Protein backbone atom coordinates (compact mmCIF):
# COMPACT_ATOMS: atom_id res chain seq x y z
CA MET A 1 93.65 86.50 103.89
CA THR A 2 90.28 84.87 103.97
CA GLU A 3 89.48 82.49 101.13
CA ARG A 4 87.18 85.10 99.62
CA GLN A 5 89.85 87.80 99.84
CA ALA A 6 92.40 85.49 98.21
CA ALA A 7 89.96 84.71 95.40
CA ALA A 8 89.14 88.40 94.79
CA TRP A 9 92.71 89.72 95.07
CA PRO A 10 93.81 88.98 91.45
CA GLY A 11 90.73 90.77 90.09
CA ALA A 12 91.39 93.83 92.25
CA VAL A 13 95.01 94.00 91.09
CA ALA A 14 93.90 93.54 87.46
CA GLU A 15 91.46 96.45 87.85
CA ALA A 16 94.26 98.67 89.17
CA GLN A 17 96.60 97.53 86.39
CA LEU A 18 94.18 98.97 83.81
CA TYR A 19 95.30 102.44 84.92
CA VAL A 20 99.02 101.82 85.50
CA GLU A 21 100.77 102.14 82.17
CA THR A 22 104.46 102.05 83.08
CA SER A 23 104.75 99.20 85.59
CA THR A 24 103.43 95.73 86.23
CA VAL A 25 101.53 95.63 89.50
CA PRO A 26 102.55 92.42 91.29
CA LEU A 27 100.06 90.03 92.84
CA ASP A 28 102.53 89.07 95.55
CA LEU A 29 101.84 91.06 98.71
CA ASP A 30 105.42 90.40 99.80
CA ASP A 31 106.67 92.57 96.92
CA HIS A 32 108.60 95.54 98.34
CA TYR A 33 106.25 98.10 96.75
CA TRP A 34 103.19 96.79 98.62
CA ARG A 35 102.35 98.00 102.13
CA VAL A 36 99.57 96.07 103.84
CA ARG A 37 97.64 96.81 107.00
CA TRP A 38 95.18 94.40 108.56
CA ASP A 39 92.43 95.74 110.83
CA ASP A 40 91.65 93.97 114.08
CA GLU A 41 89.12 91.17 113.86
CA ILE A 42 85.67 92.43 114.77
CA ARG A 43 84.30 88.91 115.02
CA PRO A 44 87.05 86.43 115.97
CA GLY A 45 87.63 83.75 113.36
CA ARG A 46 85.92 85.68 110.55
CA GLY A 47 89.03 87.39 109.15
CA ARG A 48 90.29 90.95 108.98
CA THR A 49 89.73 93.88 106.68
CA MET A 50 92.74 94.51 104.46
CA TRP A 51 94.24 97.86 103.36
CA ALA A 52 96.94 97.49 100.70
CA THR A 53 98.83 100.37 99.11
CA TRP A 54 101.35 100.26 96.28
CA SER A 55 103.42 102.95 94.59
CA ASP A 56 106.15 102.96 91.96
CA GLY A 57 106.72 106.71 92.14
CA GLU A 58 104.43 107.44 89.19
CA TYR A 59 101.23 105.79 90.41
CA PHE A 60 99.63 105.12 93.78
CA ILE A 61 97.14 102.29 94.32
CA GLU A 62 94.93 101.64 97.32
CA ILE A 63 92.93 98.44 97.62
CA TRP A 64 90.58 98.05 100.54
CA MET A 65 88.94 94.65 100.95
CA ASP A 66 86.47 93.44 103.54
CA VAL A 67 86.50 89.89 104.91
CA TYR A 68 83.99 88.83 102.25
CA GLY A 69 86.36 89.71 99.41
CA SER A 70 84.60 92.86 98.21
CA PRO A 71 87.37 95.20 97.04
CA ARG A 72 87.43 98.94 96.51
CA VAL A 73 90.20 99.95 94.14
CA ALA A 74 91.60 103.48 93.79
CA VAL A 75 94.44 104.56 91.50
CA ALA A 76 96.19 107.95 91.41
CA SER A 77 98.75 109.40 89.03
CA LEU A 78 101.47 111.19 90.97
CA ILE A 79 102.95 114.57 90.19
CA TRP A 80 106.11 115.22 92.17
CA MET A 81 106.09 118.74 93.53
CA HIS A 82 109.56 118.58 95.13
CA ASN A 83 112.38 116.07 95.31
CA GLY A 84 115.23 117.13 97.56
CA SER A 85 117.56 114.46 96.17
CA ASP A 86 117.10 115.66 92.57
CA GLU A 87 119.72 118.28 91.67
CA GLU A 88 117.46 119.45 88.83
CA CYS A 89 114.19 119.64 90.77
CA ASP A 90 111.87 122.04 88.95
CA CYS A 91 110.01 123.39 91.98
CA GLU A 92 110.24 127.15 92.47
CA PRO A 93 112.22 127.09 95.75
CA CYS A 94 114.86 124.75 94.24
CA VAL A 95 115.14 126.77 91.03
CA ASP A 96 115.47 129.99 93.10
CA GLU A 97 118.17 128.37 95.26
CA ARG A 98 120.16 127.20 92.23
CA GLU A 99 119.93 130.65 90.66
CA SER A 100 121.08 132.38 93.86
CA ASP A 101 123.97 129.90 94.20
CA SER A 102 125.12 130.65 90.65
CA GLN A 103 125.36 134.42 91.27
């Protein structure tokens, strides 16, 4: 991270946290819920654009930050449409399959 990115990071996470009601969004990028991608340096020595995504299964956060520490924060609430590992999945194909298995 550039110095400006490091300085702006806590504010970007705090902005995202305003919308996440059920979890605490960690500042630590090494947390297992964060996935971070760094773009190639356009101008060597100036730093790299950062793309960080986080999800706890209920919310999805994306924070994009340029080398100058200007973040764009997006937060989504997730609705699971299907979960193959959930024996009580409420999607129509799973309900239909359970009903046909019970006959």
